[in-house]
Amino acid sequence: MTQEPRRVRRTVKARELADRFGVTTRTVRSTVAEERAVYEARSRQRRDQIVELHRQGLKGYEIARELSVSAGLVSTRLKEARSAGVDLTRYADTGERDAAPSAGKKRNRSRA
């Protein structure tokens, strides 16, 4: 899986740039802000990646490490996907669930 380059964060605050260039902070923010369509496309792609990695069996913190995002973001996106009705069944779980003993039943382990 290829990862897109990380966006470079500003190292200077909007107030400092506004003072330097003689404009308002609002002008600075709107000038350097990412276009809404670009942001939404990137966000949608990340959400799809999170769901796909979850289906492959990765845990939340593993997904976060893989995508260089916080574990909280992963948790939030999965929760939103569940409430939106997205199927989050893990690929490894399909078909194997019936063969595994249920968690509520104790297995009989007799010692000889």
N, C-alpha and C. Protein backbone atom coordinates (compact mmCIF):
# COMPACT_ATOMS: atom_id res chain seq x y z
N MET A 1 0.84 -1.16 0.00
CA MET A 1 0.00 0.00 0.00
C MET A 1 0.90 1.23 0.00
N THR A 2 0.66 2.13 -0.94
CA THR A 2 1.47 3.34 -1.01
C THR A 2 0.82 4.42 -0.18
N GLN A 3 1.65 5.12 0.55
CA GLN A 3 1.13 6.19 1.37
C GLN A 3 1.44 7.51 0.71
N GLU A 4 0.48 8.40 0.77
CA GLU A 4 0.71 9.73 0.23
C GLU A 4 1.60 10.50 1.18
N PRO A 5 2.34 11.47 0.68
CA PRO A 5 3.21 12.23 1.57
C PRO A 5 2.40 12.99 2.60
N ARG A 6 2.94 13.09 3.77
CA ARG A 6 2.25 13.81 4.84
C ARG A 6 2.25 15.29 4.54
N ARG A 7 1.17 15.94 4.87
CA ARG A 7 1.08 17.38 4.69
C ARG A 7 2.01 18.06 5.68
N VAL A 8 2.65 19.08 5.22
CA VAL A 8 3.57 19.83 6.07
C VAL A 8 2.75 20.81 6.90
N ARG A 9 2.98 20.78 8.18
CA ARG A 9 2.27 21.69 9.07
C ARG A 9 3.00 23.02 9.13
N ARG A 10 2.23 24.07 9.36
CA ARG A 10 2.86 25.38 9.53
C ARG A 10 3.67 25.39 10.80
N THR A 11 4.78 26.07 10.76
CA THR A 11 5.60 26.23 11.97
C THR A 11 5.40 27.61 12.58
N VAL A 12 4.64 28.45 11.88
CA VAL A 12 4.38 29.81 12.34
C VAL A 12 2.88 29.96 12.54
N LYS A 13 2.49 30.66 13.57
CA LYS A 13 1.07 30.86 13.84
C LYS A 13 0.49 31.90 12.90
N ALA A 14 -0.82 31.80 12.69
CA ALA A 14 -1.51 32.72 11.79
C ALA A 14 -1.35 34.16 12.25
N ARG A 15 -1.34 34.39 13.55
CA ARG A 15 -1.18 35.75 14.09
C ARG A 15 0.17 36.33 13.69
N GLU A 16 1.23 35.51 13.76
CA GLU A 16 2.57 35.97 13.39
C GLU A 16 2.64 36.32 11.91
N LEU A 17 2.05 35.48 11.05
CA LEU A 17 2.04 35.77 9.62
C LEU A 17 1.22 37.02 9.31
N ALA A 18 0.08 37.18 10.00
CA ALA A 18 -0.76 38.35 9.79
C ALA A 18 0.00 39.62 10.14
N ASP A 19 0.72 39.61 11.25
CA ASP A 19 1.51 40.78 11.64
C ASP A 19 2.62 41.06 10.63
N ARG A 20 3.26 40.01 10.15
CA ARG A 20 4.37 40.16 9.22
C ARG A 20 3.92 40.76 7.89
N PHE A 21 2.73 40.34 7.41
CA PHE A 21 2.27 40.77 6.09
C PHE A 21 1.21 41.87 6.14
N GLY A 22 0.82 42.28 7.34
CA GLY A 22 -0.13 43.37 7.47
C GLY A 22 -1.54 43.01 7.04
N VAL A 23 -1.95 41.77 7.28
CA VAL A 23 -3.31 41.33 6.96
C VAL A 23 -3.94 40.73 8.21
N THR A 24 -5.18 40.33 8.09
CA THR A 24 -5.86 39.72 9.24
C THR A 24 -5.53 38.23 9.34
N THR A 25 -5.75 37.67 10.51
CA THR A 25 -5.52 36.22 10.68
C THR A 25 -6.47 35.42 9.81
N ARG A 26 -7.66 35.96 9.61
CA ARG A 26 -8.63 35.26 8.75
C ARG A 26 -8.12 35.16 7.32
N THR A 27 -7.46 36.21 6.83
CA THR A 27 -6.89 36.19 5.49
C THR A 27 -5.80 35.14 5.39
N VAL A 28 -4.98 35.05 6.42
CA VAL A 28 -3.90 34.06 6.43
C VAL A 28 -4.49 32.65 6.40
N ARG A 29 -5.46 32.40 7.24
CA ARG A 29 -6.06 31.06 7.31
C ARG A 29 -6.72 30.67 6.00
N SER A 30 -7.44 31.59 5.39
CA SER A 30 -8.11 31.24 4.13
C SER A 30 -7.12 31.08 2.99
N THR A 31 -5.98 31.77 3.07
CA THR A 31 -4.97 31.67 2.02
C THR A 31 -4.23 30.34 2.08
N VAL A 32 -3.91 29.89 3.27
CA VAL A 32 -3.10 28.68 3.40
C VAL A 32 -3.94 27.43 3.61
N ALA A 33 -5.25 27.59 3.73
CA ALA A 33 -6.12 26.44 3.99
C ALA A 33 -6.21 25.53 2.77
N GLU A 34 -6.38 24.26 3.05
CA GLU A 34 -6.58 23.26 2.00
C GLU A 34 -8.00 23.42 1.44
N GLU A 35 -8.16 23.23 0.14
CA GLU A 35 -9.49 23.32 -0.45
C GLU A 35 -10.39 22.25 0.15
N ARG A 36 -11.66 22.59 0.33
CA ARG A 36 -12.61 21.69 0.97
C ARG A 36 -12.74 20.36 0.23
N ALA A 37 -12.83 20.41 -1.08
CA ALA A 37 -12.98 19.18 -1.89
C ALA A 37 -11.77 18.27 -1.73
N VAL A 38 -10.59 18.87 -1.67
CA VAL A 38 -9.36 18.09 -1.49
C VAL A 38 -9.35 17.44 -0.12
N TYR A 39 -9.73 18.22 0.90
CA TYR A 39 -9.78 17.69 2.26
C TYR A 39 -10.77 16.54 2.36
N GLU A 40 -11.97 16.72 1.78
CA GLU A 40 -12.99 15.68 1.88
C GLU A 40 -12.57 14.41 1.16
N ALA A 41 -11.91 14.55 0.01
CA ALA A 41 -11.44 13.37 -0.72
C ALA A 41 -10.38 12.63 0.08
N ARG A 42 -9.46 13.37 0.69
CA ARG A 42 -8.41 12.76 1.50
C ARG A 42 -9.00 12.09 2.74
N SER A 43 -9.99 12.74 3.34
CA SER A 43 -10.65 12.19 4.52
C SER A 43 -11.41 10.90 4.19
N ARG A 44 -12.11 10.92 3.06
CA ARG A 44 -12.86 9.74 2.62
C ARG A 44 -11.91 8.57 2.34
N GLN A 45 -10.77 8.87 1.72
CA GLN A 45 -9.78 7.83 1.42
C GLN A 45 -9.23 7.24 2.72
N ARG A 46 -8.93 8.09 3.69
CA ARG A 46 -8.41 7.61 4.97
C ARG A 46 -9.45 6.75 5.68
N ARG A 47 -10.71 7.18 5.64
CA ARG A 47 -11.79 6.41 6.28
C ARG A 47 -11.90 5.03 5.64
N ASP A 48 -11.83 4.97 4.32
CA ASP A 48 -11.89 3.69 3.61
C ASP A 48 -10.70 2.80 3.97
N GLN A 49 -9.52 3.40 4.11
CA GLN A 49 -8.33 2.63 4.49
C GLN A 49 -8.48 2.06 5.90
N ILE A 50 -9.02 2.86 6.81
CA ILE A 50 -9.22 2.40 8.19
C ILE A 50 -10.17 1.21 8.21
N VAL A 51 -11.28 1.31 7.50
CA VAL A 51 -12.25 0.21 7.46
C VAL A 51 -11.62 -1.04 6.84
N GLU A 52 -10.88 -0.87 5.76
CA GLU A 52 -10.25 -2.01 5.09
C GLU A 52 -9.23 -2.70 5.99
N LEU A 53 -8.40 -1.93 6.66
CA LEU A 53 -7.41 -2.53 7.57
C LEU A 53 -8.08 -3.23 8.74
N HIS A 54 -9.20 -2.66 9.21
CA HIS A 54 -9.96 -3.31 10.29
C HIS A 54 -10.49 -4.65 9.81
N ARG A 55 -11.01 -4.68 8.60
CA ARG A 55 -11.53 -5.93 8.04
C ARG A 55 -10.43 -6.98 7.89
N GLN A 56 -9.21 -6.53 7.66
CA GLN A 56 -8.09 -7.46 7.51
C GLN A 56 -7.62 -8.01 8.85
N GLY A 57 -8.17 -7.48 9.95
CA GLY A 57 -7.88 -8.03 11.26
C GLY A 57 -6.93 -7.21 12.11
N LEU A 58 -6.52 -6.03 11.65
CA LEU A 58 -5.62 -5.20 12.43
C LEU A 58 -6.37 -4.56 13.59
N LYS A 59 -5.68 -4.38 14.69
CA LYS A 59 -6.27 -3.70 15.84
C LYS A 59 -6.17 -2.19 15.63
N GLY A 60 -6.91 -1.45 16.43
CA GLY A 60 -6.96 0.00 16.27
C GLY A 60 -5.60 0.67 16.33
N TYR A 61 -4.79 0.28 17.32
CA TYR A 61 -3.48 0.92 17.45
C TYR A 61 -2.56 0.54 16.29
N GLU A 62 -2.76 -0.65 15.73
CA GLU A 62 -1.95 -1.07 14.57
C GLU A 62 -2.34 -0.26 13.32
N ILE A 63 -3.63 -0.02 13.18
CA ILE A 63 -4.12 0.79 12.07
C ILE A 63 -3.57 2.21 12.21
N ALA A 64 -3.62 2.74 13.42
CA ALA A 64 -3.12 4.10 13.68
C ALA A 64 -1.65 4.21 13.31
N ARG A 65 -0.87 3.21 13.70
CA ARG A 65 0.56 3.23 13.40
C ARG A 65 0.79 3.13 11.88
N GLU A 66 0.03 2.28 11.22
CA GLU A 66 0.16 2.08 9.77
C GLU A 66 -0.14 3.35 8.98
N LEU A 67 -1.17 4.09 9.42
CA LEU A 67 -1.61 5.27 8.68
C LEU A 67 -1.07 6.58 9.25
N SER A 68 -0.28 6.50 10.30
CA SER A 68 0.29 7.69 10.96
C SER A 68 -0.80 8.65 11.42
N VAL A 69 -1.81 8.08 12.09
CA VAL A 69 -2.87 8.88 12.69
C VAL A 69 -3.01 8.45 14.14
N SER A 70 -3.83 9.14 14.90
CA SER A 70 -4.01 8.77 16.31
C SER A 70 -4.97 7.58 16.43
N ALA A 71 -4.81 6.85 17.52
CA ALA A 71 -5.70 5.72 17.78
C ALA A 71 -7.13 6.21 18.02
N GLY A 72 -7.26 7.41 18.57
CA GLY A 72 -8.58 7.99 18.79
C GLY A 72 -9.31 8.26 17.49
N LEU A 73 -8.58 8.71 16.47
CA LEU A 73 -9.18 8.95 15.16
C LEU A 73 -9.69 7.64 14.58
N VAL A 74 -8.88 6.59 14.70
CA VAL A 74 -9.28 5.28 14.18
C VAL A 74 -10.56 4.82 14.88
N SER A 75 -10.58 4.94 16.18
CA SER A 75 -11.75 4.53 16.96
C SER A 75 -12.99 5.33 16.54
N THR A 76 -12.83 6.62 16.38
CA THR A 76 -13.94 7.48 15.98
C THR A 76 -14.47 7.09 14.60
N ARG A 77 -13.58 6.88 13.65
CA ARG A 77 -13.99 6.54 12.28
C ARG A 77 -14.69 5.19 12.23
N LEU A 78 -14.21 4.22 13.01
CA LEU A 78 -14.87 2.91 13.05
C LEU A 78 -16.25 3.01 13.69
N LYS A 79 -16.36 3.83 14.73
CA LYS A 79 -17.66 4.03 15.39
C LYS A 79 -18.63 4.69 14.42
N GLU A 80 -18.16 5.70 13.66
CA GLU A 80 -19.02 6.35 12.67
C GLU A 80 -19.45 5.38 11.58
N ALA A 81 -18.52 4.52 11.16
CA ALA A 81 -18.83 3.54 10.12
C ALA A 81 -19.89 2.56 10.62
N ARG A 82 -19.76 2.11 11.86
CA ARG A 82 -20.77 1.19 12.44
C ARG A 82 -22.14 1.85 12.47
N SER A 83 -22.20 3.10 12.92
CA SER A 83 -23.50 3.77 13.03
C SER A 83 -24.08 4.08 11.65
N ALA A 84 -23.23 4.17 10.62
CA ALA A 84 -23.70 4.41 9.26
C ALA A 84 -24.11 3.10 8.58
N GLY A 85 -23.91 1.98 9.25
CA GLY A 85 -24.33 0.69 8.71
C GLY A 85 -23.30 0.00 7.84
N VAL A 86 -22.05 0.44 7.90
CA VAL A 86 -20.99 -0.19 7.12
C VAL A 86 -20.68 -1.55 7.72
N ASP A 87 -20.53 -2.56 6.89
CA ASP A 87 -20.20 -3.91 7.35
C ASP A 87 -18.74 -3.96 7.74
N LEU A 88 -18.46 -4.17 9.01
CA LEU A 88 -17.09 -4.21 9.51
C LEU A 88 -16.63 -5.63 9.83
N THR A 89 -17.29 -6.61 9.26
CA THR A 89 -16.92 -8.00 9.50
C THR A 89 -15.49 -8.23 9.01
N ARG A 90 -14.71 -8.83 9.88
CA ARG A 90 -13.32 -9.11 9.51
C ARG A 90 -13.28 -10.30 8.55
N TYR A 91 -12.39 -10.22 7.58
CA TYR A 91 -12.28 -11.29 6.59
C TYR A 91 -11.94 -12.62 7.25
N ALA A 92 -11.11 -12.60 8.27
CA ALA A 92 -10.70 -13.83 8.94
C ALA A 92 -11.87 -14.47 9.69
N ASP A 93 -12.86 -13.67 10.08
CA ASP A 93 -13.99 -14.19 10.85
C ASP A 93 -15.02 -14.92 10.00
N THR A 94 -15.12 -14.60 8.74
CA THR A 94 -16.17 -15.20 7.92
C THR A 94 -15.96 -16.70 7.79
N GLY A 95 -16.97 -17.43 8.17
CA GLY A 95 -16.92 -18.88 8.04
C GLY A 95 -16.28 -19.58 9.22
N GLU A 96 -15.43 -18.93 9.94
CA GLU A 96 -14.73 -19.57 11.05
C GLU A 96 -15.51 -19.47 12.35
N ARG A 97 -16.46 -18.56 12.40
CA ARG A 97 -17.20 -18.33 13.63
C ARG A 97 -18.00 -19.56 14.06
N ASP A 98 -18.58 -20.26 13.10
CA ASP A 98 -19.39 -21.42 13.44
C ASP A 98 -18.54 -22.57 13.97
N ALA A 99 -17.29 -22.66 13.51
CA ALA A 99 -16.43 -23.76 13.92
C ALA A 99 -15.86 -23.56 15.31
N ALA A 100 -15.72 -22.32 15.74
CA ALA A 100 -15.12 -22.03 17.04
C ALA A 100 -16.16 -22.24 18.13
N PRO A 101 -15.71 -22.73 19.31
CA PRO A 101 -16.66 -22.88 20.42
C PRO A 101 -17.13 -21.52 20.89
N SER A 102 -18.37 -21.42 21.30
CA SER A 102 -18.88 -20.12 21.73
C SER A 102 -18.24 -19.73 23.06
N ALA A 103 -18.13 -18.44 23.27
CA ALA A 103 -17.43 -17.93 24.45
C ALA A 103 -18.19 -18.25 25.73
N GLY A 104 -19.49 -18.39 25.65
CA GLY A 104 -20.28 -18.62 26.85
C GLY A 104 -20.23 -20.07 27.36
N LYS A 105 -19.88 -21.01 26.52
CA LYS A 105 -19.88 -22.42 26.92
C LYS A 105 -18.49 -22.83 27.37
N LYS A 106 -18.44 -23.62 28.43
CA LYS A 106 -17.17 -24.15 28.89
C LYS A 106 -16.89 -25.45 28.17
N ARG A 107 -15.65 -25.60 27.79
CA ARG A 107 -15.28 -26.85 27.13
C ARG A 107 -15.00 -27.88 28.22
N ASN A 108 -15.35 -29.11 27.92
CA ASN A 108 -15.15 -30.20 28.87
C ASN A 108 -13.72 -30.71 28.72
N ARG A 109 -12.91 -30.45 29.71
CA ARG A 109 -11.52 -30.93 29.68
C ARG A 109 -11.35 -31.95 30.80
N SER A 110 -11.50 -33.15 30.45
CA SER A 110 -11.35 -34.18 31.47
C SER A 110 -9.91 -34.65 31.51
N ARG A 111 -9.42 -34.83 32.71
CA ARG A 111 -8.05 -35.31 32.89
C ARG A 111 -8.07 -36.80 33.18
N ALA A 112 -7.18 -37.49 32.57
CA ALA A 112 -7.14 -38.93 32.77
C ALA A 112 -6.14 -39.34 33.80
